[in-house]
Protein backbone atom coordinates (compact mmCIF):
# COMPACT_ATOMS: atom_id res chain seq x y z
CA MET A 1 -214.02 -127.89 -148.61
CA PRO A 2 -216.10 -130.50 -150.55
CA ASP A 3 -218.74 -132.61 -148.97
CA VAL A 4 -217.49 -135.78 -147.36
CA PHE A 5 -220.42 -137.79 -148.74
CA ASP A 6 -221.36 -138.46 -152.29
CA PRO A 7 -224.76 -137.12 -153.35
CA GLN A 8 -226.66 -140.38 -152.68
CA ALA A 9 -225.17 -140.78 -149.20
CA ARG A 10 -225.87 -137.13 -148.36
CA SER A 11 -229.44 -137.59 -149.49
CA ALA A 12 -229.80 -140.67 -147.23
CA VAL A 13 -228.37 -138.73 -144.25
CA MET A 14 -230.70 -135.80 -144.78
CA ARG A 15 -233.75 -138.10 -145.14
CA ARG A 16 -233.14 -139.31 -141.62
CA VAL A 17 -233.56 -135.81 -140.13
CA LYS A 18 -237.04 -135.90 -138.68
CA GLY A 19 -239.44 -132.99 -138.80
CA ARG A 20 -241.94 -134.25 -136.26
CA ASP A 21 -242.09 -136.46 -133.20
CA THR A 22 -238.50 -135.61 -132.45
CA GLY A 23 -236.98 -136.34 -129.01
CA PRO A 24 -237.24 -132.71 -127.90
CA GLU A 25 -240.82 -132.49 -129.07
CA LEU A 26 -241.79 -135.64 -127.16
CA LYS A 27 -240.19 -134.24 -123.94
CA VAL A 28 -242.21 -131.04 -124.19
CA ARG A 29 -245.39 -133.00 -124.91
CA ARG A 30 -244.81 -135.20 -121.87
CA LEU A 31 -244.30 -132.12 -119.71
CA LEU A 32 -247.45 -130.48 -120.96
CA THR A 33 -249.48 -133.66 -120.40
CA ARG A 34 -248.13 -133.90 -116.91
CA LEU A 35 -249.19 -130.28 -116.33
CA GLY A 36 -252.78 -131.17 -117.43
CA ALA A 37 -252.66 -129.36 -120.81
CA ARG A 38 -254.65 -130.61 -123.81
CA TYR A 39 -253.15 -129.85 -127.12
CA ARG A 40 -253.18 -130.59 -130.90
CA LEU A 41 -250.17 -131.36 -133.11
CA HIS A 42 -248.86 -129.89 -136.35
CA ARG A 43 -251.93 -128.05 -137.69
CA ALA A 44 -251.22 -127.49 -141.38
CA ASP A 45 -253.65 -124.58 -141.59
CA LEU A 46 -251.43 -122.41 -139.30
CA PRO A 47 -248.38 -120.61 -140.58
CA GLY A 48 -245.24 -122.61 -139.92
CA ARG A 49 -247.24 -125.66 -138.88
CA PRO A 50 -246.49 -125.21 -135.12
CA ASP A 51 -245.37 -128.30 -133.25
CA ILE A 52 -247.91 -127.94 -130.42
CA ILE A 53 -251.19 -126.02 -130.47
CA LEU A 54 -253.37 -125.18 -127.49
CA PRO A 55 -256.35 -123.81 -129.34
CA GLY A 56 -258.50 -123.05 -126.28
CA ARG A 57 -255.64 -120.89 -124.84
CA GLY A 58 -254.73 -119.24 -128.12
CA LEU A 59 -251.15 -120.53 -127.74
CA VAL A 60 -248.76 -122.25 -130.17
CA ILE A 61 -245.40 -123.67 -129.27
CA PHE A 62 -242.50 -124.31 -131.63
CA ILE A 63 -239.78 -126.68 -130.53
CA HIS A 64 -236.66 -125.57 -132.48
CA GLY A 65 -233.36 -127.38 -132.89
CA CYS A 66 -230.62 -124.94 -132.02
CA PHE A 67 -228.48 -125.68 -135.07
CA TRP A 68 -231.26 -125.61 -137.67
CA HIS A 69 -232.84 -122.42 -136.43
CA GLY A 70 -229.68 -120.48 -135.52
CA HIS A 71 -230.04 -120.15 -131.76
CA ASP A 72 -227.40 -118.10 -129.95
CA CYS A 73 -226.22 -121.05 -127.79
CA ALA A 74 -222.95 -122.96 -128.44
CA ARG A 75 -224.61 -125.55 -130.71
CA GLY A 76 -226.68 -123.03 -132.59
CA SER A 77 -223.92 -120.61 -133.38
CA ARG A 78 -221.66 -123.35 -134.72
CA VAL A 79 -221.14 -123.26 -138.47
CA PRO A 80 -219.86 -126.45 -140.21
CA GLN A 81 -216.48 -126.24 -141.82
CA ALA A 82 -217.66 -127.93 -145.00
CA ARG A 83 -219.82 -125.76 -147.28
CA ARG A 84 -219.90 -122.82 -144.94
CA ASP A 85 -221.69 -120.58 -147.43
CA TYR A 86 -224.45 -123.14 -147.97
CA TRP A 87 -225.09 -123.69 -144.24
CA THR A 88 -224.90 -119.91 -143.43
CA ALA A 89 -227.53 -119.22 -146.07
CA LYS A 90 -229.67 -122.20 -145.06
CA VAL A 91 -229.87 -121.15 -141.38
CA ALA A 92 -230.50 -117.52 -142.34
CA GLY A 93 -233.33 -118.59 -144.57
CA ASN A 94 -234.81 -120.70 -141.69
CA ARG A 95 -234.57 -117.72 -139.36
CA ALA A 96 -236.31 -115.44 -141.92
CA ARG A 97 -239.05 -118.01 -142.40
CA ASP A 98 -239.49 -118.35 -138.64
CA ALA A 99 -239.84 -114.55 -138.30
CA ARG A 100 -242.51 -114.48 -141.04
CA ASN A 101 -244.44 -117.32 -139.42
CA LEU A 102 -244.30 -115.71 -135.99
CA SER A 103 -245.52 -112.45 -137.41
CA ALA A 104 -248.36 -114.10 -139.27
CA LEU A 105 -249.41 -116.08 -136.14
CA ALA A 106 -249.33 -112.97 -133.97
CA GLU A 107 -251.46 -111.06 -136.50
CA ALA A 108 -253.96 -113.94 -136.43
CA GLY A 109 -254.23 -113.55 -132.64
CA TRP A 110 -252.02 -116.42 -131.50
CA ARG A 111 -249.54 -116.19 -128.68
CA VAL A 112 -246.28 -117.78 -129.90
CA GLU A 113 -243.65 -119.45 -127.69
CA THR A 114 -240.43 -121.16 -128.72
CA VAL A 115 -238.72 -123.86 -126.77
CA TRP A 116 -235.10 -124.43 -127.80
CA GLU A 117 -233.46 -127.80 -127.92
CA CYS A 118 -230.78 -126.59 -125.44
CA GLU A 119 -233.47 -125.86 -122.86
CA LEU A 120 -234.31 -129.55 -122.67
CA LYS A 121 -231.09 -130.63 -121.00
CA ALA A 122 -231.64 -132.48 -117.73
CA ARG A 123 -230.21 -129.59 -115.63
CA ASP A 124 -232.59 -127.19 -117.20
CA HIS A 125 -235.63 -129.44 -116.91
CA PRO A 126 -237.07 -127.84 -113.73
CA ALA A 127 -236.78 -124.37 -115.26
CA LEU A 128 -238.55 -125.45 -118.44
CA GLU A 129 -241.36 -127.13 -116.42
CA ALA A 130 -241.81 -123.92 -114.42
CA ARG A 131 -241.85 -121.89 -117.64
CA LEU A 132 -244.55 -124.11 -119.20
CA SER A 133 -246.55 -124.08 -115.99
CA ARG A 134 -246.40 -120.25 -115.92
CA LEU A 135 -247.43 -120.15 -119.59
CA LEU A 136 -250.45 -122.34 -118.95
CA ALA A 137 -251.42 -120.19 -115.94
CA GLU A 138 -251.10 -116.97 -117.99
CA THR A 139 -253.24 -118.33 -120.81
CA ALA A 140 -256.21 -119.76 -119.02
CA PRO A 141 -258.71 -121.66 -121.21
CA ARG A 142 -261.16 -119.50 -123.05
CA PRO A 143 -264.88 -120.21 -122.49
């Protein structure tokens, strides 16, 4: 099935997909701030440019969109009808890149956590807050 947009319109649509300061990322940042964590954002010198870095705790957090990173939830396992081969390859490439980045960060001594977009729904909010609180407790600041 051909794309429903002409190349210029498709380009405009894709330009609007943000890579930083997304809604899910802002929610996690607000939660971390409320829990008293201090963090840095998008350090380019780390593999994968993690969304949130807690350097004193040796912890990095990625906030992944379920569709773009191939999560196993309903939204992440959905494959568009148009250009199925393209999207299957695109998401598989994203997953391979994520695995390489995770491995490189682990080798460098970082603890890596991933927060999925589907975990940020209102009904899951208390569970996510408890998870982040537990993470902060487990990774006490280094002297």
